[in-house]
Protein backbone atom coordinates (compact mmCIF):
# COMPACT_ATOMS: atom_id res chain seq x y z
CA UNK A 1 -89.06 -180.44 -59.60
CA UNK A 2 -88.65 -177.70 -62.17
CA UNK A 3 -89.83 -177.95 -65.71
CA UNK A 4 -87.23 -178.49 -68.43
CA UNK A 5 -86.29 -175.30 -70.18
CA UNK A 6 -86.88 -174.87 -73.87
CA UNK A 7 -83.87 -175.57 -76.07
CA UNK A 8 -81.81 -172.51 -76.83
CA UNK A 9 -82.18 -171.09 -80.28
CA UNK A 10 -79.07 -170.63 -82.30
CA UNK A 11 -78.92 -167.38 -84.23
CA UNK A 12 -77.60 -167.62 -87.74
CA UNK A 13 -77.52 -165.15 -90.59
CA UNK A 14 -78.59 -167.84 -93.03
CA UNK A 15 -82.03 -167.70 -94.57
CA UNK A 16 -84.62 -170.14 -93.18
CA UNK A 17 -84.11 -173.61 -94.60
CA UNK A 18 -80.51 -172.91 -95.66
CA UNK A 19 -77.70 -174.29 -93.56
CA UNK A 20 -74.94 -171.82 -92.71
CA UNK A 21 -71.63 -172.38 -94.46
CA UNK A 22 -69.19 -174.57 -92.58
CA UNK A 23 -65.62 -173.30 -92.69
CA UNK A 24 -63.47 -175.61 -94.79
CA UNK A 25 -60.11 -176.52 -93.38
CA UNK A 26 -57.34 -176.46 -96.00
CA UNK A 27 -55.73 -179.75 -96.92
CA UNK A 28 -52.18 -178.45 -96.36
CA UNK A 29 -50.80 -176.23 -93.60
CA UNK A 30 -50.40 -172.63 -94.65
CA UNK A 31 -47.06 -171.82 -96.25
CA UNK A 32 -45.32 -168.45 -96.36
CA UNK A 33 -45.68 -166.35 -99.51
CA UNK A 34 -43.29 -167.27 -102.31
CA UNK A 35 -42.82 -166.27 -105.94
CA UNK A 36 -45.29 -168.08 -108.25
CA UNK A 37 -42.72 -170.55 -109.62
CA UNK A 38 -41.56 -171.53 -106.11
CA UNK A 39 -45.16 -171.75 -104.88
CA UNK A 40 -45.98 -174.06 -107.80
CA UNK A 41 -42.91 -176.16 -107.03
CA UNK A 42 -44.01 -176.40 -103.39
CA UNK A 43 -47.54 -177.41 -104.38
CA UNK A 44 -46.13 -180.08 -106.71
CA UNK A 45 -44.05 -181.54 -103.88
CA UNK A 46 -47.03 -181.37 -101.46
CA UNK A 47 -49.30 -183.24 -103.86
CA UNK A 48 -46.57 -185.77 -104.68
CA UNK A 49 -46.24 -186.57 -100.97
CA UNK A 50 -50.03 -186.99 -100.72
CA UNK A 51 -50.07 -189.28 -103.77
CA UNK A 52 -47.19 -191.40 -102.50
CA UNK A 53 -48.84 -191.57 -99.07
CA UNK A 54 -52.11 -192.74 -100.63
CA UNK A 55 -50.33 -195.44 -102.62
CA UNK A 56 -48.49 -196.57 -99.48
CA UNK A 57 -51.79 -196.82 -97.58
CA UNK A 58 -53.19 -199.06 -100.31
CA UNK A 59 -50.01 -201.18 -100.31
CA UNK A 60 -50.01 -201.62 -96.53
CA UNK A 61 -53.74 -202.43 -96.49
CA UNK A 62 -53.19 -204.98 -99.28
CA UNK A 63 -50.33 -206.53 -97.32
CA UNK A 64 -52.48 -206.79 -94.15
CA UNK A 65 -55.33 -208.43 -96.09
CA UNK A 66 -52.91 -210.89 -97.70
CA UNK A 67 -51.46 -211.80 -94.29
CA UNK A 68 -54.98 -212.45 -92.94
CA UNK A 69 -55.27 -215.16 -95.59
CA UNK A 70 -51.78 -216.48 -94.87
CA UNK A 71 -50.35 -215.10 -98.11
CA UNK A 72 -47.46 -212.82 -98.79
CA UNK A 73 -46.66 -210.73 -101.82
CA UNK A 74 -43.08 -209.52 -101.56
CA UNK A 75 -43.58 -206.95 -104.32
CA UNK A 76 -46.05 -205.10 -102.08
CA UNK A 77 -43.51 -204.85 -99.27
CA UNK A 78 -40.65 -203.87 -101.57
CA UNK A 79 -42.79 -201.21 -103.29
CA UNK A 80 -43.74 -199.71 -99.93
CA UNK A 81 -40.06 -199.63 -98.90
CA UNK A 82 -39.12 -197.85 -102.12
CA UNK A 83 -41.87 -195.27 -101.65
CA UNK A 84 -40.92 -194.77 -97.98
CA UNK A 85 -37.53 -193.38 -99.01
CA UNK A 86 -39.20 -190.97 -101.44
CA UNK A 87 -41.88 -189.78 -99.04
CA UNK A 88 -39.34 -189.30 -96.24
CA UNK A 89 -37.11 -186.91 -98.17
CA UNK A 90 -39.93 -185.11 -99.99
CA UNK A 91 -41.75 -184.58 -96.68
CA UNK A 92 -38.59 -182.88 -95.43
CA UNK A 93 -39.05 -180.40 -98.25
CA UNK A 94 -42.67 -179.77 -97.20
CA UNK A 95 -41.43 -179.02 -93.68
CA UNK A 96 -38.58 -176.78 -94.90
CA UNK A 97 -41.03 -174.81 -97.05
CA UNK A 98 -43.10 -173.97 -93.97
CA UNK A 99 -40.25 -173.58 -91.47
CA UNK A 100 -41.60 -176.63 -89.67
CA UNK A 101 -38.40 -178.67 -89.61
CA UNK A 102 -37.20 -179.77 -86.20
CA UNK A 103 -34.91 -177.19 -84.64
CA UNK A 104 -33.19 -176.62 -81.33
CA UNK A 105 -33.47 -172.91 -80.67
CA UNK A 106 -32.74 -172.33 -76.97
CA UNK A 107 -29.67 -170.19 -77.70
CA UNK A 108 -30.73 -168.61 -80.97
CA UNK A 109 -34.05 -167.48 -79.41
CA UNK A 110 -32.08 -165.33 -76.94
CA UNK A 111 -30.97 -163.15 -79.85
CA UNK A 112 -33.07 -160.43 -81.37
CA UNK A 113 -32.92 -158.03 -84.27
CA UNK A 114 -29.86 -158.24 -86.50
CA UNK A 115 -28.19 -160.79 -84.21
CA UNK A 116 -31.06 -163.20 -84.75
CA UNK A 117 -31.01 -162.67 -88.51
CA UNK A 118 -27.24 -163.25 -88.64
CA UNK A 119 -27.62 -166.42 -86.58
CA UNK A 120 -30.44 -167.61 -88.88
CA UNK A 121 -28.23 -166.91 -91.91
CA UNK A 122 -25.36 -168.87 -90.33
CA UNK A 123 -27.68 -171.81 -89.62
CA UNK A 124 -28.97 -171.68 -93.20
CA UNK A 125 -25.39 -171.65 -94.53
CA UNK A 126 -24.48 -174.69 -92.42
CA UNK A 127 -27.66 -176.45 -93.54
CA UNK A 128 -26.90 -175.65 -97.19
CA UNK A 129 -23.39 -177.07 -96.81
CA UNK A 130 -24.77 -180.28 -95.26
CA UNK A 131 -27.51 -180.55 -97.89
CA UNK A 132 -24.91 -180.22 -100.66
CA UNK A 133 -22.92 -183.08 -99.09
CA UNK A 134 -26.08 -185.21 -98.88
CA UNK A 135 -26.97 -184.32 -102.48
CA UNK A 136 -23.46 -185.29 -103.65
CA UNK A 137 -23.54 -188.64 -101.86
CA UNK A 138 -27.12 -189.24 -103.01
CA UNK A 139 -26.12 -188.73 -106.65
CA UNK A 140 -23.19 -191.11 -106.15
CA UNK A 141 -25.50 -193.73 -104.63
CA UNK A 142 -27.76 -193.43 -107.66
CA UNK A 143 -24.84 -193.81 -110.07
CA UNK A 144 -23.44 -196.82 -108.22
CA UNK A 145 -26.88 -198.42 -107.79
CA UNK A 146 -27.66 -198.76 -111.50
CA UNK A 147 -25.83 -202.08 -111.53
CA UNK A 148 -27.97 -203.56 -108.74
CA UNK A 149 -31.62 -204.56 -108.93
CA UNK A 150 -34.31 -204.67 -106.28
CA UNK A 151 -34.83 -208.35 -105.52
CA UNK A 152 -38.52 -208.68 -106.32
CA UNK A 153 -39.40 -205.69 -108.50
CA UNK A 154 -36.28 -206.26 -110.63
CA UNK A 155 -35.76 -202.58 -111.33
CA UNK A 156 -32.47 -200.75 -110.72
CA UNK A 157 -31.93 -200.02 -107.03
CA UNK A 158 -31.16 -196.46 -108.10
CA UNK A 159 -34.90 -195.73 -108.35
CA UNK A 160 -35.06 -196.18 -104.58
CA UNK A 161 -31.87 -194.21 -103.96
CA UNK A 162 -33.04 -191.38 -106.24
CA UNK A 163 -35.48 -190.24 -103.56
CA UNK A 164 -32.56 -188.94 -101.51
CA UNK A 165 -30.99 -186.46 -103.96
CA UNK A 166 -34.41 -185.38 -105.29
CA UNK A 167 -35.76 -184.73 -101.79
CA UNK A 168 -32.53 -183.10 -100.61
CA UNK A 169 -32.55 -180.85 -103.68
CA UNK A 170 -36.11 -179.77 -102.83
CA UNK A 171 -35.07 -179.02 -99.23
CA UNK A 172 -32.08 -177.12 -100.59
CA UNK A 173 -34.36 -174.95 -102.74
CA UNK A 174 -36.33 -173.79 -99.68
CA UNK A 175 -33.23 -173.32 -97.52
CA UNK A 176 -31.53 -171.18 -100.18
CA UNK A 177 -34.77 -169.20 -100.58
CA UNK A 178 -34.87 -168.56 -96.82
CA UNK A 179 -31.24 -167.39 -96.88
CA UNK A 180 -32.04 -165.11 -99.82
CA UNK A 181 -34.93 -163.58 -97.82
CA UNK A 182 -32.60 -163.01 -94.86
CA UNK A 183 -30.11 -161.26 -97.14
CA UNK A 184 -33.00 -159.11 -98.44
CA UNK A 185 -33.50 -157.88 -94.86
CA UNK A 186 -36.62 -159.90 -94.05
CA UNK A 187 -37.08 -160.63 -90.36
CA UNK A 188 -37.99 -164.04 -89.01
CA UNK A 189 -41.58 -162.85 -88.44
CA UNK A 190 -41.78 -161.74 -92.07
CA UNK A 191 -40.28 -164.98 -93.38
CA UNK A 192 -42.38 -167.29 -91.20
CA UNK A 193 -45.66 -165.53 -90.39
CA UNK A 194 -47.70 -167.15 -87.63
CA UNK A 195 -51.06 -168.68 -88.49
CA UNK A 196 -53.95 -166.32 -87.89
């Protein structure tokens, strides 16, 4: 039987007694460069989604605890439903900012150069048209909903519906910005740089 070998020594550049720095992973996925105002807008939306998500976690946990004791608080459920609409549409904006929205690209990926950029511009134009329709109907839902109240919270139902036009507007901002970059001659690789 052989003797156990000594443990391998790990070489670090840190001074003795000082632990080497651990790389810190960013909270949000990297987003492409944007003008300061747009970057600030994107950060605001990112943090809003995080805040809403945190509140929803607390609401769901509260609801689970209440159910363990055979209780139910309808306001908790209704609040979570209201926030779900908001977080859904605002999260779409976070995805659009990073080019992470779901896409089907089998045909468009066959194109290269100017053909690809033209196809991307056409897709952006179609998306903008659809987003404008959604924004229009979202605003109309908000206007119509002022006369109705949420059953338990007793606030206008429009507060729930408002998540749609606000989120769609935020998605629209990033889609228009992408189209503007295409028209400036930016390639897909320049608009959506890969993570290093």
